[in-house]
Amino acid sequence: YNNERTDEALQEILDGSYYRVNDEDNVLIGFFCIGANAKV
């Protein structure tokens, strides 16, 4: 599940289908996406 930081990967994760999940201290706990990007 490791990723590489590429322009393509960054463009996908910022396309509006991804969300970040933070805790009460604003620490990034995880993320999720909905739609086509969630499919293999």
Full PDB file with SEQRES, HELIX, SHEET, SSBOND, CRYST1, ORIGX, SCALE, CONECT and MASTER records, all heavy atoms in Angstrom:
SEQRES   1 A   40  TYR ASN ASN GLU ARG THR ASP GLU ALA LEU GLN GLU ILE          
SEQRES   2 A   40  LEU ASP GLY SER TYR TYR ARG VAL ASN ASP GLU ASP ASN          
SEQRES   3 A   40  VAL LEU ILE GLY PHE PHE CYS ILE GLY ALA ASN ALA LYS          
SEQRES   4 A   40  VAL                                                          
HELIX    1 AA1 ASP A    7  ILE A   13  1                                   7    
HELIX    2 AA2 ALA A   36  ALA A   38  5                                   3    
SHEET    1 AA1 2 TYR A  18  ASN A  22  0                                        
SHEET    2 AA1 2 LEU A  28  CYS A  33 -1                                        
CRYST1    1.000    1.000    1.000  90.00  90.00  90.00 P 1           1          
ORIGX1      1.000000  0.000000  0.000000        0.00000                         
ORIGX2      0.000000  1.000000  0.000000        0.00000                         
ORIGX3      0.000000  0.000000  1.000000        0.00000                         
SCALE1      1.000000  0.000000  0.000000        0.00000                         
SCALE2      0.000000  1.000000  0.000000        0.00000                         
SCALE3      0.000000  0.000000  1.000000        0.00000                         
ATOM      1  N   TYR A   1       0.799  -1.224   0.000  1.00  0.00           N  
ATOM      2  CA  TYR A   1       0.000   0.000   0.000  1.00  0.00           C  
ATOM      3  C   TYR A   1       0.835   1.280   0.000  1.00  0.00           C  
ATOM      4  O   TYR A   1       0.277   2.372   0.021  1.00  0.00           O  
ATOM      5  CB  TYR A   1      -0.944   0.015   1.211  1.00  0.00           C  
ATOM      6  CG  TYR A   1      -1.957  -1.104   1.176  1.00  0.00           C  
ATOM      7  CD1 TYR A   1      -1.843  -2.203   2.014  1.00  0.00           C  
ATOM      8  CD2 TYR A   1      -3.031  -1.067   0.293  1.00  0.00           C  
ATOM      9  CE1 TYR A   1      -2.776  -3.227   1.979  1.00  0.00           C  
ATOM     10  CE2 TYR A   1      -3.970  -2.085   0.249  1.00  0.00           C  
ATOM     11  CZ  TYR A   1      -3.832  -3.165   1.096  1.00  0.00           C  
ATOM     12  OH  TYR A   1      -4.751  -4.178   1.051  1.00  0.00           O  
ATOM     13  N   ASN A   2       2.158   1.142  -0.001  1.00  0.00           N  
ATOM     14  CA  ASN A   2       3.007   2.337  -0.046  1.00  0.00           C  
ATOM     15  C   ASN A   2       2.808   3.075  -1.358  1.00  0.00           C  
ATOM     16  O   ASN A   2       2.586   2.459  -2.405  1.00  0.00           O  
ATOM     17  CB  ASN A   2       4.488   1.964   0.104  1.00  0.00           C  
ATOM     18  CG  ASN A   2       4.824   1.460   1.495  1.00  0.00           C  
ATOM     19  OD1 ASN A   2       4.013   1.532   2.411  1.00  0.00           O  
ATOM     20  ND2 ASN A   2       6.019   0.931   1.645  1.00  0.00           N  
ATOM     21  N   ASN A   3       2.869   4.380  -1.301  1.00  0.00           N  
ATOM     22  CA  ASN A   3       2.723   5.222  -2.486  1.00  0.00           C  
ATOM     23  C   ASN A   3       4.028   5.943  -2.784  1.00  0.00           C  
ATOM     24  O   ASN A   3       4.942   5.954  -1.967  1.00  0.00           O  
ATOM     25  CB  ASN A   3       1.634   6.288  -2.256  1.00  0.00           C  
ATOM     26  CG  ASN A   3       0.258   5.688  -2.213  1.00  0.00           C  
ATOM     27  OD1 ASN A   3      -0.206   5.139  -3.196  1.00  0.00           O  
ATOM     28  ND2 ASN A   3      -0.403   5.793  -1.071  1.00  0.00           N  
ATOM     29  N   GLU A   4       4.066   6.536  -3.938  1.00  0.00           N  
ATOM     30  CA  GLU A   4       5.161   7.436  -4.291  1.00  0.00           C  
ATOM     31  C   GLU A   4       4.563   8.800  -4.528  1.00  0.00           C  
ATOM     32  O   GLU A   4       3.466   8.917  -5.074  1.00  0.00           O  
ATOM     33  CB  GLU A   4       5.837   6.979  -5.587  1.00  0.00           C  
ATOM     34  CG  GLU A   4       6.868   5.911  -5.411  1.00  0.00           C  
ATOM     35  CD  GLU A   4       7.578   5.643  -6.721  1.00  0.00           C  
ATOM     36  OE1 GLU A   4       8.086   6.594  -7.346  1.00  0.00           O  
ATOM     37  OE2 GLU A   4       7.603   4.460  -7.117  1.00  0.00           O  
ATOM     38  N   ARG A   5       5.292   9.828  -4.135  1.00  0.00           N  
ATOM     39  CA  ARG A   5       4.804  11.180  -4.379  1.00  0.00           C  
ATOM     40  C   ARG A   5       5.176  11.565  -5.805  1.00  0.00           C  
ATOM     41  O   ARG A   5       6.300  11.920  -6.102  1.00  0.00           O  
ATOM     42  CB  ARG A   5       5.395  12.175  -3.389  1.00  0.00           C  
ATOM     43  CG  ARG A   5       4.682  13.509  -3.461  1.00  0.00           C  
ATOM     44  CD  ARG A   5       5.418  14.614  -2.730  1.00  0.00           C  
ATOM     45  NE  ARG A   5       4.729  15.868  -2.863  1.00  0.00           N  
ATOM     46  CZ  ARG A   5       4.640  16.573  -3.991  1.00  0.00           C  
ATOM     47  NH1 ARG A   5       5.197  16.139  -5.104  1.00  0.00           N  
ATOM     48  NH2 ARG A   5       3.994  17.719  -4.025  1.00  0.00           N  
ATOM     49  N   THR A   6       4.199  11.446  -6.679  1.00  0.00           N  
ATOM     50  CA  THR A   6       4.374  11.853  -8.072  1.00  0.00           C  
ATOM     51  C   THR A   6       3.322  12.921  -8.369  1.00  0.00           C  
ATOM     52  O   THR A   6       2.349  13.073  -7.618  1.00  0.00           O  
ATOM     53  CB  THR A   6       4.170  10.673  -9.041  1.00  0.00           C  
ATOM     54  OG1 THR A   6       2.805  10.223  -8.926  1.00  0.00           O  
ATOM     55  CG2 THR A   6       5.130   9.525  -8.741  1.00  0.00           C  
ATOM     56  N   ASP A   7       3.512  13.648  -9.454  1.00  0.00           N  
ATOM     57  CA  ASP A   7       2.513  14.647  -9.848  1.00  0.00           C  
ATOM     58  C   ASP A   7       1.157  13.983 -10.089  1.00  0.00           C  
ATOM     59  O   ASP A   7       0.116  14.517  -9.715  1.00  0.00           O  
ATOM     60  CB  ASP A   7       2.962  15.398 -11.105  1.00  0.00           C  
ATOM     61  CG  ASP A   7       4.125  16.338 -10.835  1.00  0.00           C  
ATOM     62  OD1 ASP A   7       4.362  16.670  -9.654  1.00  0.00           O  
ATOM     63  OD2 ASP A   7       4.796  16.738 -11.804  1.00  0.00           O  
ATOM     64  N   GLU A   8       1.181  12.797 -10.698  1.00  0.00           N  
ATOM     65  CA  GLU A   8      -0.054  12.073 -10.987  1.00  0.00           C  
ATOM     66  C   GLU A   8      -0.763  11.656  -9.695  1.00  0.00           C  
ATOM     67  O   GLU A   8      -1.976  11.820  -9.558  1.00  0.00           O  
ATOM     68  CB  GLU A   8       0.249  10.841 -11.837  1.00  0.00           C  
ATOM     69  CG  GLU A   8      -0.978  10.060 -12.238  1.00  0.00           C  
ATOM     70  CD  GLU A   8      -0.621   8.838 -13.081  1.00  0.00           C  
ATOM     71  OE1 GLU A   8       0.437   8.824 -13.729  1.00  0.00           O  
ATOM     72  OE2 GLU A   8      -1.432   7.891 -13.075  1.00  0.00           O  
ATOM     73  N   ALA A   9       0.004  11.144  -8.728  1.00  0.00           N  
ATOM     74  CA  ALA A   9      -0.585  10.727  -7.450  1.00  0.00           C  
ATOM     75  C   ALA A   9      -1.155  11.931  -6.707  1.00  0.00           C  
ATOM     76  O   ALA A   9      -2.253  11.869  -6.144  1.00  0.00           O  
ATOM     77  CB  ALA A   9       0.454  10.015  -6.590  1.00  0.00           C  
ATOM     78  N   LEU A  10      -0.434  13.027  -6.725  1.00  0.00           N  
ATOM     79  CA  LEU A  10      -0.897  14.246  -6.066  1.00  0.00           C  
ATOM     80  C   LEU A  10      -2.158  14.788  -6.734  1.00  0.00           C  
ATOM     81  O   LEU A  10      -3.112  15.182  -6.058  1.00  0.00           O  
ATOM     82  CB  LEU A  10       0.214  15.293  -6.073  1.00  0.00           C  
ATOM     83  CG  LEU A  10       0.013  16.517  -5.195  1.00  0.00           C  
ATOM     84  CD1 LEU A  10      -0.172  16.121  -3.732  1.00  0.00           C  
ATOM     85  CD2 LEU A  10       1.207  17.453  -5.337  1.00  0.00           C  
ATOM     86  N   GLN A  11      -2.191  14.744  -8.040  1.00  0.00           N  
ATOM     87  CA  GLN A  11      -3.360  15.217  -8.779  1.00  0.00           C  
ATOM     88  C   GLN A  11      -4.587  14.369  -8.426  1.00  0.00           C  
ATOM     89  O   GLN A  11      -5.676  14.905  -8.223  1.00  0.00           O  
ATOM     90  CB  GLN A  11      -3.078  15.155 -10.284  1.00  0.00           C  
ATOM     91  CG  GLN A  11      -4.187  15.705 -11.140  1.00  0.00           C  
ATOM     92  CD  GLN A  11      -3.812  15.677 -12.620  1.00  0.00           C  
ATOM     93  OE1 GLN A  11      -2.699  15.355 -13.008  1.00  0.00           O  
ATOM     94  NE2 GLN A  11      -4.779  16.008 -13.459  1.00  0.00           N  
ATOM     95  N   GLU A  12      -4.416  13.055  -8.341  1.00  0.00           N  
ATOM     96  CA  GLU A  12      -5.548  12.185  -7.994  1.00  0.00           C  
ATOM     97  C   GLU A  12      -6.056  12.483  -6.593  1.00  0.00           C  
ATOM     98  O   GLU A  12      -7.260  12.645  -6.378  1.00  0.00           O  
ATOM     99  CB  GLU A  12      -5.153  10.708  -8.073  1.00  0.00           C  
ATOM    100  CG  GLU A  12      -6.283   9.787  -7.621  1.00  0.00           C  
ATOM    101  CD  GLU A  12      -5.901   8.322  -7.577  1.00  0.00           C  
ATOM    102  OE1 GLU A  12      -5.213   7.847  -8.496  1.00  0.00           O  
ATOM    103  OE2 GLU A  12      -6.313   7.654  -6.607  1.00  0.00           O  
ATOM    104  N   ILE A  13      -5.167  12.556  -5.636  1.00  0.00           N  
ATOM    105  CA  ILE A  13      -5.582  12.706  -4.240  1.00  0.00           C  
ATOM    106  C   ILE A  13      -6.208  14.081  -3.959  1.00  0.00           C  
ATOM    107  O   ILE A  13      -6.937  14.258  -3.000  1.00  0.00           O  
ATOM    108  CB  ILE A  13      -4.407  12.388  -3.288  1.00  0.00           C  
ATOM    109  CG1 ILE A  13      -4.909  11.958  -1.913  1.00  0.00           C  
ATOM    110  CG2 ILE A  13      -3.440  13.537  -3.194  1.00  0.00           C  
ATOM    111  CD1 ILE A  13      -3.836  11.364  -1.032  1.00  0.00           C  
ATOM    112  N   LEU A  14      -5.956  15.027  -4.856  1.00  0.00           N  
ATOM    113  CA  LEU A  14      -6.526  16.365  -4.703  1.00  0.00           C  
ATOM    114  C   LEU A  14      -7.701  16.618  -5.656  1.00  0.00           C  
ATOM    115  O   LEU A  14      -8.145  17.758  -5.800  1.00  0.00           O  
ATOM    116  CB  LEU A  14      -5.444  17.430  -4.918  1.00  0.00           C  
ATOM    117  CG  LEU A  14      -4.379  17.518  -3.818  1.00  0.00           C  
ATOM    118  CD1 LEU A  14      -3.251  18.452  -4.229  1.00  0.00           C  
ATOM    119  CD2 LEU A  14      -5.002  17.947  -2.498  1.00  0.00           C  
ATOM    120  N   ASP A  15      -8.249  15.554  -6.261  1.00  0.00           N  
ATOM    121  CA  ASP A  15      -9.296  15.745  -7.276  1.00  0.00           C  
ATOM    122  C   ASP A  15     -10.702  15.939  -6.706  1.00  0.00           C  
ATOM    123  O   ASP A  15     -11.676  16.044  -7.444  1.00  0.00           O  
ATOM    124  CB  ASP A  15      -9.288  14.586  -8.278  1.00  0.00           C  
ATOM    125  CG  ASP A  15      -9.856  13.284  -7.715  1.00  0.00           C  
ATOM    126  OD1 ASP A  15     -10.251  13.231  -6.531  1.00  0.00           O  
ATOM    127  OD2 ASP A  15      -9.912  12.302  -8.484  1.00  0.00           O  
ATOM    128  N   GLY A  16     -10.833  15.956  -5.383  1.00  0.00           N  
ATOM    129  CA  GLY A  16     -12.136  16.168  -4.757  1.00  0.00           C  
ATOM    130  C   GLY A  16     -12.803  14.913  -4.236  1.00  0.00           C  
ATOM    131  O   GLY A  16     -13.807  14.994  -3.525  1.00  0.00           O  
ATOM    132  N   SER A  17     -12.275  13.742  -4.562  1.00  0.00           N  
ATOM    133  CA  SER A  17     -12.877  12.489  -4.100  1.00  0.00           C  
ATOM    134  C   SER A  17     -12.241  11.972  -2.809  1.00  0.00           C  
ATOM    135  O   SER A  17     -12.715  10.995  -2.240  1.00  0.00           O  
ATOM    136  CB  SER A  17     -12.782  11.408  -5.184  1.00  0.00           C  
ATOM    137  OG  SER A  17     -11.435  11.041  -5.412  1.00  0.00           O  
ATOM    138  N   TYR A  18     -11.192  12.629  -2.349  1.00  0.00           N  
ATOM    139  CA  TYR A  18     -10.465  12.208  -1.143  1.00  0.00           C  
ATOM    140  C   TYR A  18     -10.768  13.137   0.030  1.00  0.00           C  
ATOM    141  O   TYR A  18     -10.922  14.352  -0.146  1.00  0.00           O  
ATOM    142  CB  TYR A  18      -8.957  12.219  -1.389  1.00  0.00           C  
ATOM    143  CG  TYR A  18      -8.439  11.041  -2.148  1.00  0.00           C  
ATOM    144  CD1 TYR A  18      -8.577  10.961  -3.528  1.00  0.00           C  
ATOM    145  CD2 TYR A  18      -7.787   9.997  -1.499  1.00  0.00           C  
ATOM    146  CE1 TYR A  18      -8.090   9.877  -4.247  1.00  0.00           C  
ATOM    147  CE2 TYR A  18      -7.293   8.907  -2.205  1.00  0.00           C  
ATOM    148  CZ  TYR A  18      -7.451   8.859  -3.570  1.00  0.00           C  
ATOM    149  OH  TYR A  18      -6.974   7.781  -4.270  1.00  0.00           O  
ATOM    150  N   TYR A  19     -10.782  12.532   1.218  1.00  0.00           N  
ATOM    151  CA  TYR A  19     -11.004  13.259   2.466  1.00  0.00           C  
ATOM    152  C   TYR A  19      -9.932  12.849   3.459  1.00  0.00           C  
ATOM    153  O   TYR A  19      -9.449  11.716   3.429  1.00  0.00           O  
ATOM    154  CB  TYR A  19     -12.379  12.921   3.052  1.00  0.00           C  
ATOM    155  CG  TYR A  19     -13.516  13.314   2.153  1.00  0.00           C  
ATOM    156  CD1 TYR A  19     -13.917  12.479   1.105  1.00  0.00           C  
ATOM    157  CD2 TYR A  19     -14.185  14.512   2.340  1.00  0.00           C  
ATOM    158  CE1 TYR A  19     -14.960  12.839   0.267  1.00  0.00           C  
ATOM    159  CE2 TYR A  19     -15.234  14.883   1.501  1.00  0.00           C  
ATOM    160  CZ  TYR A  19     -15.613  14.043   0.471  1.00  0.00           C  
ATOM    161  OH  TYR A  19     -16.635  14.403  -0.367  1.00  0.00           O  
ATOM    162  N   ARG A  20      -9.603  13.750   4.334  1.00  0.00           N  
ATOM    163  CA  ARG A  20      -8.658  13.422   5.404  1.00  0.00           C  
ATOM    164  C   ARG A  20      -9.428  13.300   6.712  1.00  0.00           C  
ATOM    165  O   ARG A  20     -10.465  13.929   6.896  1.00  0.00           O  
ATOM    166  CB  ARG A  20      -7.558  14.474   5.501  1.00  0.00           C  
ATOM    167  CG  ARG A  20      -8.002  15.845   5.900  1.00  0.00           C  
ATOM    168  CD  ARG A  20      -6.856  16.866   5.739  1.00  0.00           C  
ATOM    169  NE  ARG A  20      -7.067  18.068   6.505  1.00  0.00           N  
ATOM    170  CZ  ARG A  20      -7.782  19.113   6.102  1.00  0.00           C  
ATOM    171  NH1 ARG A  20      -8.361  19.103   4.924  1.00  0.00           N  
ATOM    172  NH2 ARG A  20      -7.906  20.173   6.876  1.00  0.00           N  
ATOM    173  N   VAL A  21      -8.914  12.452   7.602  1.00  0.00           N  
ATOM    174  CA  VAL A  21      -9.537  12.232   8.902  1.00  0.00           C  
ATOM    175  C   VAL A  21      -8.498  12.579   9.963  1.00  0.00           C  
ATOM    176  O   VAL A  21      -7.435  11.969  10.017  1.00  0.00           O  
ATOM    177  CB  VAL A  21     -10.016  10.773   9.063  1.00  0.00           C  
ATOM    178  CG1 VAL A  21     -10.701  10.581  10.410  1.00  0.00           C  
ATOM    179  CG2 VAL A  21     -10.946  10.371   7.913  1.00  0.00           C  
ATOM    180  N   ASN A  22      -8.844  13.581  10.774  1.00  0.00           N  
ATOM    181  CA  ASN A  22      -7.946  14.044  11.827  1.00  0.00           C  
ATOM    182  C   ASN A  22      -8.566  13.756  13.189  1.00  0.00           C  
ATOM    183  O   ASN A  22      -9.785  13.639  13.310  1.00  0.00           O  
ATOM    184  CB  ASN A  22      -7.706  15.552  11.701  1.00  0.00           C  
ATOM    185  CG  ASN A  22      -6.975  15.915  10.439  1.00  0.00           C  
ATOM    186  OD1 ASN A  22      -7.527  15.830   9.345  1.00  0.00           O  
ATOM    187  ND2 ASN A  22      -5.740  16.313  10.560  1.00  0.00           N  
ATOM    188  N   ASP A  23      -7.707  13.689  14.219  1.00  0.00           N  
ATOM    189  CA  ASP A  23      -8.227  13.551  15.575  1.00  0.00           C  
ATOM    190  C   ASP A  23      -8.436  14.933  16.183  1.00  0.00           C  
ATOM    191  O   ASP A  23      -8.258  15.956  15.505  1.00  0.00           O  
ATOM    192  CB  ASP A  23      -7.323  12.656  16.431  1.00  0.00           C  
ATOM    193  CG  ASP A  23      -5.970  13.285  16.774  1.00  0.00           C  
ATOM    194  OD1 ASP A  23      -5.737  14.483  16.468  1.00  0.00           O  
ATOM    195  OD2 ASP A  23      -5.146  12.577  17.382  1.00  0.00           O  
ATOM    196  N   GLU A  24      -8.814  14.943  17.457  1.00  0.00           N  
ATOM    197  CA  GLU A  24      -9.121  16.202  18.121  1.00  0.00           C  
ATOM    198  C   GLU A  24      -7.915  17.138  18.226  1.00  0.00           C  
ATOM    199  O   GLU A  24      -8.074  18.350  18.403  1.00  0.00           O  
ATOM    200  CB  GLU A  24      -9.728  15.952  19.517  1.00  0.00           C  
ATOM    201  CG  GLU A  24      -8.797  15.257  20.497  1.00  0.00           C  
ATOM    202  CD  GLU A  24      -8.832  13.726  20.414  1.00  0.00           C  
ATOM    203  OE1 GLU A  24      -9.508  13.172  19.529  1.00  0.00           O  
ATOM    204  OE2 GLU A  24      -8.161  13.084  21.242  1.00  0.00           O  
ATOM    205  N   ASP A  25      -6.711  16.598  18.107  1.00  0.00           N  
ATOM    206  CA  ASP A  25      -5.490  17.415  18.141  1.00  0.00           C  
ATOM    207  C   ASP A  25      -5.015  17.769  16.737  1.00  0.00           C  
ATOM    208  O   ASP A  25      -3.883  18.221  16.556  1.00  0.00           O  
ATOM    209  CB  ASP A  25      -4.382  16.679  18.901  1.00  0.00           C  
ATOM    210  CG  ASP A  25      -4.754  16.448  20.358  1.00  0.00           C  
ATOM    211  OD1 ASP A  25      -5.369  17.353  20.963  1.00  0.00           O  
ATOM    212  OD2 ASP A  25      -4.449  15.358  20.886  1.00  0.00           O  
ATOM    213  N   ASN A  26      -5.855  17.515  15.739  1.00  0.00           N  
ATOM    214  CA  ASN A  26      -5.574  17.792  14.334  1.00  0.00           C  
ATOM    215  C   ASN A  26      -4.444  16.923  13.762  1.00  0.00           C  
ATOM    216  O   ASN A  26      -3.788  17.292  12.789  1.00  0.00           O  
ATOM    217  CB  ASN A  26      -5.282  19.282  14.093  1.00  0.00           C  
ATOM    218  CG  ASN A  26      -5.648  19.693  12.687  1.00  0.00           C  
ATOM    219  OD1 ASN A  26      -6.583  19.163  12.095  1.00  0.00           O  
ATOM    220  ND2 ASN A  26      -4.893  20.629  12.131  1.00  0.00           N  
ATOM    221  N   VAL A  27      -4.230  15.757  14.382  1.00  0.00           N  
ATOM    222  CA  VAL A  27      -3.257  14.795  13.870  1.00  0.00           C  
ATOM    223  C   VAL A  27      -3.936  13.994  12.766  1.00  0.00           C  
ATOM    224  O   VAL A  27      -5.078  13.537  12.926  1.00  0.00           O  
ATOM    225  CB  VAL A  27      -2.759  13.864  14.995  1.00  0.00           C  
ATOM    226  CG1 VAL A  27      -1.870  12.756  14.434  1.00  0.00           C  
ATOM    227  CG2 VAL A  27      -2.027  14.661  16.060  1.00  0.00           C  
ATOM    228  N   LEU A  28      -3.247  13.804  11.657  1.00  0.00           N  
ATOM    229  CA  LEU A  28      -3.789  13.054  10.523  1.00  0.00           C  
ATOM    230  C   LEU A  28      -3.805  11.560  10.851  1.00  0.00           C  
ATOM    231  O   LEU A  28      -2.757  10.927  10.941  1.00  0.00           O  
ATOM    232  CB  LEU A  28      -2.948  13.331   9.276  1.00  0.00           C  
ATOM    233  CG  LEU A  28      -3.387  12.656   7.982  1.00  0.00           C  
ATOM    234  CD1 LEU A  28      -4.786  13.127   7.570  1.00  0.00           C  
ATOM    235  CD2 LEU A  28      -2.374  12.958   6.877  1.00  0.00           C  
ATOM    236  N   ILE A  29      -5.008  11.020  11.034  1.00  0.00           N  
ATOM    237  CA  ILE A  29      -5.184   9.611  11.392  1.00  0.00           C  
ATOM    238  C   ILE A  29      -5.284   8.744  10.144  1.00  0.00           C  
ATOM    239  O   ILE A  29      -4.820   7.614  10.107  1.00  0.00           O  
ATOM    240  CB  ILE A  29      -6.454   9.424  12.250  1.00  0.00           C  
ATOM    241  CG1 ILE A  29      -6.381  10.285  13.509  1.00  0.00           C  
ATOM    242  CG2 ILE A  29      -6.689   7.965  12.593  1.00  0.00           C  
ATOM    243  CD1 ILE A  29      -5.221   9.962  14.416  1.00  0.00           C  
ATOM    244  N   GLY A  30      -5.923   9.280   9.097  1.00  0.00           N  
ATOM    245  CA  GLY A  30      -6.100   8.498   7.882  1.00  0.00           C  
ATOM    246  C   GLY A  30      -6.813   9.307   6.822  1.00  0.00           C  
ATOM    247  O   GLY A  30      -6.969  10.523   6.941  1.00  0.00           O  
ATOM    248  N   PHE A  31      -7.238   8.585   5.795  1.00  0.00           N  
ATOM    249  CA  PHE A  31      -7.933   9.212   4.682  1.00  0.00           C  
ATOM    250  C   PHE A  31      -8.915   8.211   4.106  1.00  0.00           C  
ATOM    251  O   PHE A  31      -8.869   7.023   4.413  1.00  0.00           O  
ATOM    252  CB  PHE A  31      -6.949   9.674   3.598  1.00  0.00           C  
ATOM    253  CG  PHE A  31      -6.302   8.536   2.864  1.00  0.00           C  
ATOM    254  CD1 PHE A  31      -6.856   8.040   1.685  1.00  0.00           C  
ATOM    255  CD2 PHE A  31      -5.154   7.928   3.351  1.00  0.00           C  
ATOM    256  CE1 PHE A  31      -6.271   6.972   1.013  1.00  0.00           C  
ATOM    257  CE2 PHE A  31      -4.565   6.874   2.691  1.00  0.00           C  
ATOM    258  CZ  PHE A  31      -5.124   6.392   1.514  1.00  0.00           C  
ATOM    259  N   PHE A  32      -9.800   8.712   3.263  1.00  0.00           N  
ATOM    260  CA  PHE A  32     -10.655   7.821   2.485  1.00  0.00           C  
ATOM    261  C   PHE A  32     -11.019   8.522   1.188  1.00  0.00           C  
ATOM    262  O   PHE A  32     -10.874   9.738   1.054  1.00  0.00           O  
ATOM    263  CB  PHE A  32     -11.901   7.386   3.264  1.00  0.00           C  
ATOM    264  CG  PHE A  32     -12.895   8.467   3.555  1.00  0.00           C  
ATOM    265  CD1 PHE A  32     -14.008   8.667   2.746  1.00  0.00           C  
ATOM    266  CD2 PHE A  32     -12.732   9.297   4.655  1.00  0.00           C  
ATOM    267  CE1 PHE A  32     -14.929   9.655   3.026  1.00  0.00           C  
ATOM    268  CE2 PHE A  32     -13.652  10.290   4.949  1.00  0.00           C  
ATOM    269  CZ  PHE A  32     -14.753  10.473   4.132  1.00  0.00           C  
ATOM    270  N   CYS A  33     -11.450   7.726   0.227  1.00  0.00           N  
ATOM    271  CA  CYS A  33     -11.929   8.280  -1.030  1.00  0.00           C  
ATOM    272  C   CYS A  33     -13.229   7.577  -1.389  1.00  0.00           C  
ATOM    273  O   CYS A  33     -13.526   6.496  -0.891  1.00  0.00           O  
ATOM    274  CB  CYS A  33     -10.892   8.156  -2.144  1.00  0.00           C  
ATOM    275  SG  CYS A  33     -10.448   6.489  -2.604  1.00  0.00           S  
ATOM    276  N   ILE A  34     -13.983   8.249  -2.232  1.00  0.00           N  
ATOM    277  CA  ILE A  34     -15.277   7.742  -2.667  1.00  0.00           C  
ATOM    278  C   ILE A  34     -15.307   7.782  -4.189  1.00  0.00           C  
ATOM    279  O   ILE A  34     -14.826   8.740  -4.794  1.00  0.00           O  
ATOM    280  CB  ILE A  34     -16.424   8.618  -2.110  1.00  0.00           C  
ATOM    281  CG1 ILE A  34     -16.408   8.615  -0.577  1.00  0.00           C  
ATOM    282  CG2 ILE A  34     -17.781   8.145  -2.618  1.00  0.00           C  
ATOM    283  CD1 ILE A  34     -17.357   9.612   0.048  1.00  0.00           C  
ATOM    284  N   GLY A  35     -15.865   6.736  -4.792  1.00  0.00           N  
ATOM    285  CA  GLY A  35     -16.048   6.745  -6.235  1.00  0.00           C  
ATOM    286  C   GLY A  35     -14.985   5.975  -6.986  1.00  0.00           C  
ATOM    287  O   GLY A  35     -14.416   5.004  -6.479  1.00  0.00           O  
ATOM    288  N   ALA A  36     -14.699   6.420  -8.201  1.00  0.00           N  
ATOM    289  CA  ALA A  36     -13.811   5.702  -9.112  1.00  0.00           C  
ATOM    290  C   ALA A  36     -12.424   5.466  -8.523  1.00  0.00           C  
ATOM    291  O   ALA A  36     -11.817   4.413  -8.753  1.00  0.00           O  
ATOM    292  CB  ALA A  36     -13.695   6.449 -10.436  1.00  0.00           C  
ATOM    293  N   ASN A  37     -11.903   6.420  -7.749  1.00  0.00           N  
ATOM    294  CA  ASN A  37     -10.564   6.252  -7.183  1.00  0.00           C  
ATOM    295  C   ASN A  37     -10.505   5.175  -6.099  1.00  0.00           C  
ATOM    296  O   ASN A  37      -9.424   4.744  -5.713  1.00  0.00           O  
ATOM    297  CB  ASN A  37     -10.046   7.581  -6.633  1.00  0.00           C  
ATOM    298  CG  ASN A  37      -9.692   8.541  -7.743  1.00  0.00           C  
ATOM    299  OD1 ASN A  37      -9.308   8.131  -8.833  1.00  0.00           O  
ATOM    300  ND2 ASN A  37      -9.821   9.828  -7.484  1.00  0.00           N  
ATOM    301  N   ALA A  38     -11.657   4.742  -5.617  1.00  0.00           N  
ATOM    302  CA  ALA A  38     -11.702   3.677  -4.619  1.00  0.00           C  
ATOM    303  C   ALA A  38     -11.679   2.288  -5.263  1.00  0.00           C  
ATOM    304  O   ALA A  38     -11.595   1.284  -4.569  1.00  0.00           O  
ATOM    305  CB  ALA A  38     -12.953   3.832  -3.758  1.00  0.00           C  
ATOM    306  N   LYS A  39     -11.751   2.245  -6.571  1.00  0.00           N  
ATOM    307  CA  LYS A  39     -11.781   0.972  -7.292  1.00  0.00           C  
ATOM    308  C   LYS A  39     -10.389   0.599  -7.794  1.00  0.00           C  
ATOM    309  O   LYS A  39      -9.577   1.462  -8.084  1.00  0.00           O  
ATOM    310  CB  LYS A  39     -12.716   1.074  -8.503  1.00  0.00           C  
ATOM    311  CG  LYS A  39     -14.151   1.397  -8.159  1.00  0.00           C  
ATOM    312  CD  LYS A  39     -14.975   1.601  -9.423  1.00  0.00           C  
ATOM    313  CE  LYS A  39     -16.394   2.002  -9.113  1.00  0.00           C  
ATOM    314  NZ  LYS A  39     -17.176   2.229 -10.352  1.00  0.00           N  
ATOM    315  N   VAL A  40     -10.156  -0.706  -7.905  1.00  0.00           N  
ATOM    316  CA  VAL A  40      -8.962  -1.203  -8.583  1.00  0.00           C  
ATOM    317  C   VAL A  40      -9.344  -1.275 -10.064  1.00  0.00           C  
ATOM    318  O   VAL A  40     -10.246  -2.037 -10.425  1.00  0.00           O  
ATOM    319  CB  VAL A  40      -8.544  -2.592  -8.048  1.00  0.00           C  
ATOM    320  CG1 VAL A  40      -7.389  -3.161  -8.851  1.00  0.00           C  
ATOM    321  CG2 VAL A  40      -8.203  -2.498  -6.563  1.00  0.00           C  
TER     322      VAL A  40                                                      
MASTER        0    0    0    2    2    0    0    6  321    1    0    4          
END                                                                             
